[in-house]
């Protein structure tokens, strides 16, 4: 997707037709990550989100997401599958893949 390589503007929908700075988009992504933290107590309130969006303020670092994609050889007992990326949950909850009809 390009976020990790510093290409945050790649995720902005081109149909928005507004010029956005990379700094601005990075701030929105950061705030979004704060809003989806696993623990409710770790998420900002809506008034805090509005304040963060409207003002230049330092943002706390988001916690590691509950669900991440990583290579994990110890998670899969089948050695032939150990080199492929798979969905891994930090809290051992299963992940359901949704498919369209």
C-alpha atoms as a PDB file:
ATOM      1  CA  UNK A   1       0.000   0.000   0.000  1.00  0.00           C
ATOM      2  CA  UNK A   2       2.905   2.328   0.482  1.00  0.00           C
ATOM      3  CA  UNK A   3       2.339   3.657   3.999  1.00  0.00           C
ATOM      4  CA  UNK A   4       5.443   2.038   5.412  1.00  0.00           C
ATOM      5  CA  UNK A   5       7.548   3.422   2.564  1.00  0.00           C
ATOM      6  CA  UNK A   6       6.390   6.968   3.275  1.00  0.00           C
ATOM      7  CA  UNK A   7       3.912   7.086   0.399  1.00  0.00           C
ATOM      8  CA  UNK A   8       0.850   8.016   2.447  1.00  0.00           C
ATOM      9  CA  UNK A   9      -0.730   9.952  -0.417  1.00  0.00           C
ATOM     10  CA  UNK A  10      -1.171   6.654  -2.299  1.00  0.00           C
ATOM     11  CA  UNK A  11      -4.143   5.749  -0.088  1.00  0.00           C
ATOM     12  CA  UNK A  12      -6.056   8.991  -0.725  1.00  0.00           C
ATOM     13  CA  UNK A  13      -8.942   8.467  -3.138  1.00  0.00           C
ATOM     14  CA  UNK A  14      -8.092  10.481  -6.288  1.00  0.00           C
ATOM     15  CA  UNK A  15     -11.799  11.288  -6.734  1.00  0.00           C
ATOM     16  CA  UNK A  16     -11.562  13.686  -3.779  1.00  0.00           C
ATOM     17  CA  UNK A  17      -9.787  16.141  -6.121  1.00  0.00           C
ATOM     18  CA  UNK A  18      -8.318  18.141  -3.255  1.00  0.00           C
ATOM     19  CA  UNK A  19      -4.622  18.644  -2.688  1.00  0.00           C
ATOM     20  CA  UNK A  20      -3.562  16.962   0.537  1.00  0.00           C
ATOM     21  CA  UNK A  21      -0.117  17.139   2.066  1.00  0.00           C
ATOM     22  CA  UNK A  22       1.648  13.975   3.182  1.00  0.00           C
ATOM     23  CA  UNK A  23       1.885  15.472   6.684  1.00  0.00           C
ATOM     24  CA  UNK A  24      -1.884  15.989   6.799  1.00  0.00           C
ATOM     25  CA  UNK A  25      -2.673  12.453   5.589  1.00  0.00           C
ATOM     26  CA  UNK A  26      -0.137  10.973   8.018  1.00  0.00           C
ATOM     27  CA  UNK A  27      -1.885  12.786  10.856  1.00  0.00           C
ATOM     28  CA  UNK A  28      -5.271  11.360   9.791  1.00  0.00           C
ATOM     29  CA  UNK A  29      -3.841   7.841   9.596  1.00  0.00           C
ATOM     30  CA  UNK A  30      -2.264   8.240  13.026  1.00  0.00           C
ATOM     31  CA  UNK A  31      -5.546   9.433  14.542  1.00  0.00           C
ATOM     32  CA  UNK A  32      -7.375   6.574  12.821  1.00  0.00           C
ATOM     33  CA  UNK A  33      -4.950   4.066  14.338  1.00  0.00           C
ATOM     34  CA  UNK A  34      -5.578   5.580  17.769  1.00  0.00           C
ATOM     35  CA  UNK A  35      -9.333   5.110  17.236  1.00  0.00           C
ATOM     36  CA  UNK A  36      -9.095   1.384  16.456  1.00  0.00           C
ATOM     37  CA  UNK A  37      -6.898   0.278  19.327  1.00  0.00           C
ATOM     38  CA  UNK A  38      -7.967  -3.009  20.878  1.00  0.00           C
ATOM     39  CA  UNK A  39      -8.664  -1.684  24.368  1.00  0.00           C
ATOM     40  CA  UNK A  40     -11.493   0.843  24.625  1.00  0.00           C
ATOM     41  CA  UNK A  41      -9.612   2.682  27.368  1.00  0.00           C
ATOM     42  CA  UNK A  42      -6.746   3.252  24.916  1.00  0.00           C
ATOM     43  CA  UNK A  43      -8.988   4.909  22.291  1.00  0.00           C
ATOM     44  CA  UNK A  44      -9.487   8.678  22.283  1.00  0.00           C
ATOM     45  CA  UNK A  45     -12.909  10.182  22.952  1.00  0.00           C
ATOM     46  CA  UNK A  46     -14.724  11.878  20.072  1.00  0.00           C
ATOM     47  CA  UNK A  47     -13.982  15.296  21.586  1.00  0.00           C
ATOM     48  CA  UNK A  48     -10.279  14.362  21.729  1.00  0.00           C
ATOM     49  CA  UNK A  49     -10.412  13.225  18.078  1.00  0.00           C
ATOM     50  CA  UNK A  50     -11.998  16.523  17.025  1.00  0.00           C
ATOM     51  CA  UNK A  51      -9.349  18.421  18.989  1.00  0.00           C
ATOM     52  CA  UNK A  52      -6.550  16.398  17.358  1.00  0.00           C
ATOM     53  CA  UNK A  53      -7.991  16.990  13.876  1.00  0.00           C
ATOM     54  CA  UNK A  54      -8.498  20.721  14.409  1.00  0.00           C
ATOM     55  CA  UNK A  55      -5.218  21.537  16.157  1.00  0.00           C
ATOM     56  CA  UNK A  56      -1.500  20.948  15.808  1.00  0.00           C
ATOM     57  CA  UNK A  57      -0.795  18.779  18.825  1.00  0.00           C
ATOM     58  CA  UNK A  58       1.541  15.934  19.634  1.00  0.00           C
ATOM     59  CA  UNK A  59      -0.147  12.564  19.216  1.00  0.00           C
ATOM     60  CA  UNK A  60       0.523   9.550  21.435  1.00  0.00           C
ATOM     61  CA  UNK A  61       1.918   6.503  19.662  1.00  0.00           C
ATOM     62  CA  UNK A  62      -0.737   3.897  18.821  1.00  0.00           C
ATOM     63  CA  UNK A  63      -0.465   0.439  20.355  1.00  0.00           C
ATOM     64  CA  UNK A  64       0.214  -2.628  18.227  1.00  0.00           C
ATOM     65  CA  UNK A  65      -3.026  -3.655  16.458  1.00  0.00           C
ATOM     66  CA  UNK A  66      -4.874  -6.726  17.759  1.00  0.00           C
ATOM     67  CA  UNK A  67      -4.718  -8.328  14.321  1.00  0.00           C
ATOM     68  CA  UNK A  68      -1.589  -8.165  12.213  1.00  0.00           C
ATOM     69  CA  UNK A  69      -0.203 -10.001   9.198  1.00  0.00           C
ATOM     70  CA  UNK A  70       3.224 -11.483   9.749  1.00  0.00           C
ATOM     71  CA  UNK A  71       5.324 -14.506   8.957  1.00  0.00           C
ATOM     72  CA  UNK A  72       5.101 -16.898  11.875  1.00  0.00           C
ATOM     73  CA  UNK A  73       6.582 -20.375  11.403  1.00  0.00           C
ATOM     74  CA  UNK A  74       5.767 -21.493  14.956  1.00  0.00           C
ATOM     75  CA  UNK A  75       2.048 -20.746  14.512  1.00  0.00           C
ATOM     76  CA  UNK A  76       1.580 -23.296  11.728  1.00  0.00           C
ATOM     77  CA  UNK A  77       2.515 -26.929  12.442  1.00  0.00           C
ATOM     78  CA  UNK A  78       2.829 -27.726   8.703  1.00  0.00           C
ATOM     79  CA  UNK A  79       6.441 -26.880   7.696  1.00  0.00           C
ATOM     80  CA  UNK A  80       5.472 -26.524   4.031  1.00  0.00           C
ATOM     81  CA  UNK A  81       3.328 -23.520   4.981  1.00  0.00           C
ATOM     82  CA  UNK A  82       5.856 -21.814   7.278  1.00  0.00           C
ATOM     83  CA  UNK A  83       7.281 -19.407   4.688  1.00  0.00           C
ATOM     84  CA  UNK A  84       3.975 -17.827   3.665  1.00  0.00           C
ATOM     85  CA  UNK A  85       2.400 -14.816   5.350  1.00  0.00           C
ATOM     86  CA  UNK A  86      -0.658 -15.642   7.395  1.00  0.00           C
ATOM     87  CA  UNK A  87      -3.082 -13.815   9.642  1.00  0.00           C
ATOM     88  CA  UNK A  88      -1.967 -13.957  13.245  1.00  0.00           C
ATOM     89  CA  UNK A  89      -3.831 -12.634  16.243  1.00  0.00           C
ATOM     90  CA  UNK A  90      -1.869 -11.321  19.205  1.00  0.00           C
ATOM     91  CA  UNK A  91      -4.697 -12.403  21.505  1.00  0.00           C
ATOM     92  CA  UNK A  92      -5.228 -15.896  19.970  1.00  0.00           C
ATOM     93  CA  UNK A  93      -8.669 -15.050  18.606  1.00  0.00           C
ATOM     94  CA  UNK A  94      -9.454 -16.468  15.182  1.00  0.00           C
ATOM     95  CA  UNK A  95      -9.814 -14.208  12.168  1.00  0.00           C
ATOM     96  CA  UNK A  96     -12.746 -14.669   9.808  1.00  0.00           C
ATOM     97  CA  UNK A  97     -12.310 -13.879   6.139  1.00  0.00           C
ATOM     98  CA  UNK A  98     -15.429 -12.330   4.616  1.00  0.00           C
ATOM     99  CA  UNK A  99     -16.199 -13.020   0.971  1.00  0.00           C
ATOM    100  CA  UNK A 100     -18.802 -11.386  -1.233  1.00  0.00           C
ATOM    101  CA  UNK A 101     -21.630 -13.442  -2.662  1.00  0.00           C
END
